[in-house]
Amino acid sequence: MSEFRIIDIEQWERKEQFQFFKDYDNPFFGLTADIEVSKLLEYTRIRGYSFFAAYLYISQLQVNKIKEFRYRIVDGQVLDYAKISAGSTVLKANEVFTFCYFEYMDSFKKFEAHVLEQVENCRQPESRLDDQDHNLGQVHYSVIPWVHFRGLSHPRNYGNGDSIPKIVFGKYTSNNGSTTMPISVEAHHALMDGFHMGQYYEGFQSCANLPENFLEG
């Protein structure tokens, strides 16, 4: 499990915002936006890379870079995890979903090999629904490649003190020479604001515009 440091809430710049939102019945808020992925999609096709692994890798770069995405609430304390991994839904061969988990790596080629191996194992009909919600050092991902959605909501268990961000990727579609993919982000408002989600989308778009800078080396 990833290491973490404890935030000194009394000295934290978000102290007032944290105290304001932390006890809401539903403190999560969300945004959905289209990302231009024409260059990323073309680049992965030419290179023979997995498009799923590529956009998941780019997302993980942003999640680990923006500290607000690394924050979690545990027993009233705020923890800043050193490294955030990924847990994603994967459709098995029998068309029933399961959870698949991926470690964070700073090399795309290593990450892609890891993702492809994990997905292949998880897609087997006998794989079980492995719930690893005890691991707070992760982001929950889903993929809905059948719908170019405009909005999305998640099931909630309000009793478990959840503070893990949720990110969902939708179907990419092309129109007038542009290929876009919707991305939904939900996060705990005591830990971040729209400004930080904006940083995530901007960072993702920058990487998608220059995939050769982030997927090589």
Protein backbone atom coordinates (compact mmCIF):
# COMPACT_ATOMS: atom_id res chain seq x y z
CA MET A 1 0.00 0.00 0.00
CA SER A 2 1.24 3.46 -0.85
CA GLU A 3 2.89 5.61 1.78
CA PHE A 4 1.28 8.85 2.89
CA ARG A 5 1.81 11.96 4.99
CA ILE A 6 -0.76 13.53 7.30
CA ILE A 7 -1.89 17.04 6.41
CA ASP A 8 -1.86 19.53 9.30
CA ILE A 9 -5.45 20.73 8.93
CA GLU A 10 -4.95 23.70 11.26
CA GLN A 11 -2.24 25.04 8.94
CA TRP A 12 -3.89 23.89 5.72
CA GLU A 13 -5.05 26.50 3.22
CA ARG A 14 -8.24 24.46 2.69
CA LYS A 15 -9.16 24.29 6.37
CA GLU A 16 -12.39 26.31 5.99
CA GLN A 17 -13.47 24.51 2.81
CA PHE A 18 -12.68 21.14 4.36
CA GLN A 19 -14.76 21.84 7.44
CA PHE A 20 -17.59 23.23 5.34
CA PHE A 21 -18.01 20.19 3.07
CA LYS A 22 -16.69 17.22 5.06
CA ASP A 23 -20.00 16.36 6.76
CA TYR A 24 -22.29 16.73 3.74
CA ASP A 25 -24.54 13.73 3.08
CA ASN A 26 -23.17 13.76 -0.46
CA PRO A 27 -19.97 15.84 -0.60
CA PHE A 28 -19.04 14.65 -4.11
CA PHE A 29 -19.30 16.97 -7.10
CA GLY A 30 -18.56 16.21 -10.72
CA LEU A 31 -17.76 17.54 -14.15
CA THR A 32 -17.98 15.96 -17.59
CA ALA A 33 -15.99 17.35 -20.52
CA ASP A 34 -14.90 16.27 -23.98
CA ILE A 35 -11.19 15.82 -24.67
CA GLU A 36 -9.79 16.08 -28.18
CA VAL A 37 -8.02 12.75 -28.75
CA SER A 38 -7.38 12.76 -32.52
CA LYS A 39 -3.58 12.91 -32.17
CA LEU A 40 -3.49 10.42 -29.31
CA LEU A 41 -5.67 7.93 -31.18
CA GLU A 42 -3.65 8.24 -34.39
CA TYR A 43 -0.36 7.94 -32.54
CA THR A 44 -1.38 4.77 -30.70
CA ARG A 45 -2.66 3.21 -33.93
CA ILE A 46 0.58 3.96 -35.79
CA ARG A 47 2.73 2.66 -32.96
CA GLY A 48 0.52 -0.32 -32.19
CA TYR A 49 -0.08 0.86 -28.62
CA SER A 50 -3.19 0.19 -26.57
CA PHE A 51 -5.40 3.28 -26.65
CA PHE A 52 -6.90 2.29 -23.29
CA ALA A 53 -3.46 1.96 -21.70
CA ALA A 54 -2.41 5.29 -23.22
CA TYR A 55 -5.29 7.39 -21.93
CA LEU A 56 -5.23 5.63 -18.56
CA TYR A 57 -1.50 6.38 -18.31
CA ILE A 58 -2.08 10.06 -19.15
CA SER A 59 -4.83 10.22 -16.55
CA GLN A 60 -2.54 8.67 -13.95
CA LEU A 61 0.14 11.25 -14.74
CA GLN A 62 -2.34 14.01 -13.88
CA VAL A 63 -3.72 12.25 -10.79
CA ASN A 64 -0.26 11.83 -9.32
CA LYS A 65 0.85 15.33 -10.29
CA ILE A 66 -2.12 17.24 -8.80
CA LYS A 67 -1.90 16.82 -5.03
CA GLU A 68 -5.63 17.29 -4.44
CA PHE A 69 -6.28 14.04 -6.30
CA ARG A 70 -3.97 12.28 -3.85
CA TYR A 71 -5.82 13.43 -0.71
CA ARG A 72 -8.01 11.02 1.26
CA ILE A 73 -10.05 11.44 4.46
CA VAL A 74 -9.49 8.83 7.18
CA ASP A 75 -10.97 9.19 10.69
CA GLY A 76 -11.18 12.96 10.34
CA GLN A 77 -7.59 13.29 9.12
CA VAL A 78 -6.46 14.19 5.60
CA LEU A 79 -3.78 11.93 4.13
CA ASP A 80 -1.63 12.78 1.12
CA TYR A 81 -0.65 9.54 -0.60
CA ALA A 82 2.78 9.44 -2.22
CA LYS A 83 1.66 7.34 -5.16
CA ILE A 84 -1.80 6.73 -6.59
CA SER A 85 -2.59 3.50 -8.43
CA ALA A 86 -5.66 2.71 -10.55
CA GLY A 87 -8.62 0.40 -10.17
CA SER A 88 -10.81 0.05 -13.26
CA THR A 89 -13.86 -1.85 -14.40
CA VAL A 90 -13.10 -4.40 -17.12
CA LEU A 91 -15.66 -6.36 -19.14
CA LYS A 92 -15.09 -10.10 -18.91
CA ALA A 93 -15.56 -12.48 -21.83
CA ASN A 94 -19.03 -13.34 -20.48
CA GLU A 95 -20.06 -9.63 -20.64
CA VAL A 96 -20.08 -9.20 -16.86
CA PHE A 97 -17.79 -6.55 -15.41
CA THR A 98 -15.09 -7.04 -12.82
CA PHE A 99 -12.44 -4.86 -11.18
CA CYS A 100 -8.86 -4.77 -12.40
CA TYR A 101 -5.95 -3.03 -10.67
CA PHE A 102 -2.88 -1.31 -12.09
CA GLU A 103 0.21 0.04 -10.35
CA TYR A 104 1.42 3.55 -11.18
CA MET A 105 4.58 3.60 -13.31
CA ASP A 106 6.48 6.50 -14.83
CA SER A 107 7.27 4.54 -18.00
CA PHE A 108 4.42 4.07 -20.46
CA LYS A 109 5.88 0.96 -22.08
CA LYS A 110 6.18 -0.78 -18.70
CA PHE A 111 2.72 0.45 -17.74
CA GLU A 112 1.17 -0.77 -21.00
CA ALA A 113 2.67 -4.25 -20.58
CA HIS A 114 1.38 -4.33 -17.00
CA VAL A 115 -2.11 -3.19 -18.05
CA LEU A 116 -2.42 -5.70 -20.90
CA GLU A 117 -1.37 -8.56 -18.65
CA GLN A 118 -3.76 -7.55 -15.87
CA VAL A 119 -6.68 -7.04 -18.26
CA GLU A 120 -6.12 -10.43 -19.87
CA ASN A 121 -6.19 -12.10 -16.46
CA CYS A 122 -9.26 -10.17 -15.32
CA ARG A 123 -11.25 -10.90 -18.48
CA GLN A 124 -11.33 -14.62 -17.78
CA PRO A 125 -14.87 -15.83 -16.84
CA GLU A 126 -13.60 -17.36 -13.60
CA SER A 127 -12.08 -14.09 -12.30
CA ARG A 128 -13.82 -12.83 -9.16
CA LEU A 129 -15.11 -9.35 -8.28
CA ASP A 130 -12.12 -8.31 -6.18
CA ASP A 131 -13.14 -5.28 -4.11
CA GLN A 132 -10.03 -3.43 -2.94
CA ASP A 133 -11.70 -0.35 -1.49
CA HIS A 134 -9.46 -0.74 1.56
CA ASN A 135 -6.65 0.59 -0.65
CA LEU A 136 -7.19 4.33 -0.48
CA GLY A 137 -4.13 5.06 -2.58
CA GLN A 138 -6.00 4.58 -5.84
CA VAL A 139 -8.51 6.23 -8.17
CA HIS A 140 -11.65 4.38 -9.23
CA TYR A 141 -11.97 4.25 -13.01
CA SER A 142 -14.74 3.01 -15.28
CA VAL A 143 -14.96 2.73 -19.04
CA ILE A 144 -18.21 3.06 -20.98
CA PRO A 145 -17.04 2.71 -24.61
CA TRP A 146 -20.57 2.34 -25.98
CA VAL A 147 -21.86 5.84 -25.12
CA HIS A 148 -20.55 9.35 -25.79
CA PHE A 149 -22.18 10.56 -22.59
CA ARG A 150 -22.85 14.15 -21.48
CA GLY A 151 -23.31 13.40 -17.81
CA LEU A 152 -22.94 10.52 -15.39
CA SER A 153 -23.76 9.57 -11.80
CA HIS A 154 -22.28 6.91 -9.51
CA PRO A 155 -23.84 4.57 -6.96
CA ARG A 156 -23.01 5.69 -3.43
CA ASN A 157 -22.52 4.00 -0.09
CA TYR A 158 -22.74 6.99 2.22
CA GLY A 159 -21.79 4.98 5.28
CA ASN A 160 -18.25 4.05 4.23
CA GLY A 161 -16.65 7.51 4.37
CA ASP A 162 -15.57 7.33 0.74
CA SER A 163 -13.24 10.07 -0.50
CA ILE A 164 -11.69 8.37 -3.55
CA PRO A 165 -12.09 10.23 -6.89
CA LYS A 166 -14.08 8.54 -9.67
CA ILE A 167 -13.08 8.96 -13.32
CA VAL A 168 -15.02 7.51 -16.26
CA PHE A 169 -14.03 7.42 -19.93
CA GLY A 170 -16.72 7.26 -22.62
CA LYS A 171 -16.98 6.46 -26.32
CA TYR A 172 -14.86 8.54 -28.67
CA THR A 173 -16.62 9.92 -31.72
CA SER A 174 -15.43 11.80 -34.81
CA ASN A 175 -17.09 14.81 -36.39
CA ASN A 176 -15.69 17.30 -38.91
CA GLY A 177 -12.15 16.02 -38.51
CA SER A 178 -12.18 16.12 -34.73
CA THR A 179 -12.29 13.05 -32.46
CA THR A 180 -13.43 13.65 -28.91
CA MET A 181 -13.86 11.44 -25.86
CA PRO A 182 -15.94 12.37 -22.81
CA ILE A 183 -14.33 12.12 -19.39
CA SER A 184 -16.34 12.35 -16.17
CA VAL A 185 -14.58 13.26 -12.91
CA GLU A 186 -16.20 13.13 -9.47
CA ALA A 187 -14.37 14.08 -6.29
CA HIS A 188 -14.92 14.99 -2.64
CA HIS A 189 -15.52 18.75 -2.40
CA ALA A 190 -13.78 18.97 0.97
CA LEU A 191 -10.57 17.96 -0.79
CA MET A 192 -10.73 19.81 -4.10
CA ASP A 193 -12.64 22.37 -6.17
CA GLY A 194 -13.44 22.96 -9.81
CA PHE A 195 -10.06 24.67 -10.19
CA HIS A 196 -8.26 21.39 -9.54
CA MET A 197 -10.53 19.47 -11.90
CA GLY A 198 -9.71 22.12 -14.47
CA GLN A 199 -6.02 21.38 -13.94
CA TYR A 200 -6.72 17.70 -14.56
CA TYR A 201 -8.56 18.34 -17.85
CA GLU A 202 -5.96 20.86 -19.05
CA GLY A 203 -3.10 18.51 -18.23
CA PHE A 204 -4.83 15.59 -19.91
CA GLN A 205 -5.47 17.64 -23.05
CA SER A 206 -1.85 18.83 -23.18
CA CYS A 207 -0.61 15.22 -23.07
CA ALA A 208 -3.16 14.08 -25.65
CA ASN A 209 -1.98 16.86 -27.98
CA LEU A 210 1.66 15.72 -27.76
CA PRO A 211 1.56 11.97 -27.14
CA GLU A 212 5.11 11.47 -28.37
CA ASN A 213 6.36 13.52 -25.39
CA PHE A 214 4.65 11.31 -22.81
CA LEU A 215 4.46 7.81 -24.28
CA GLU A 216 8.11 7.43 -25.30
CA GLY A 217 11.30 7.14 -23.28
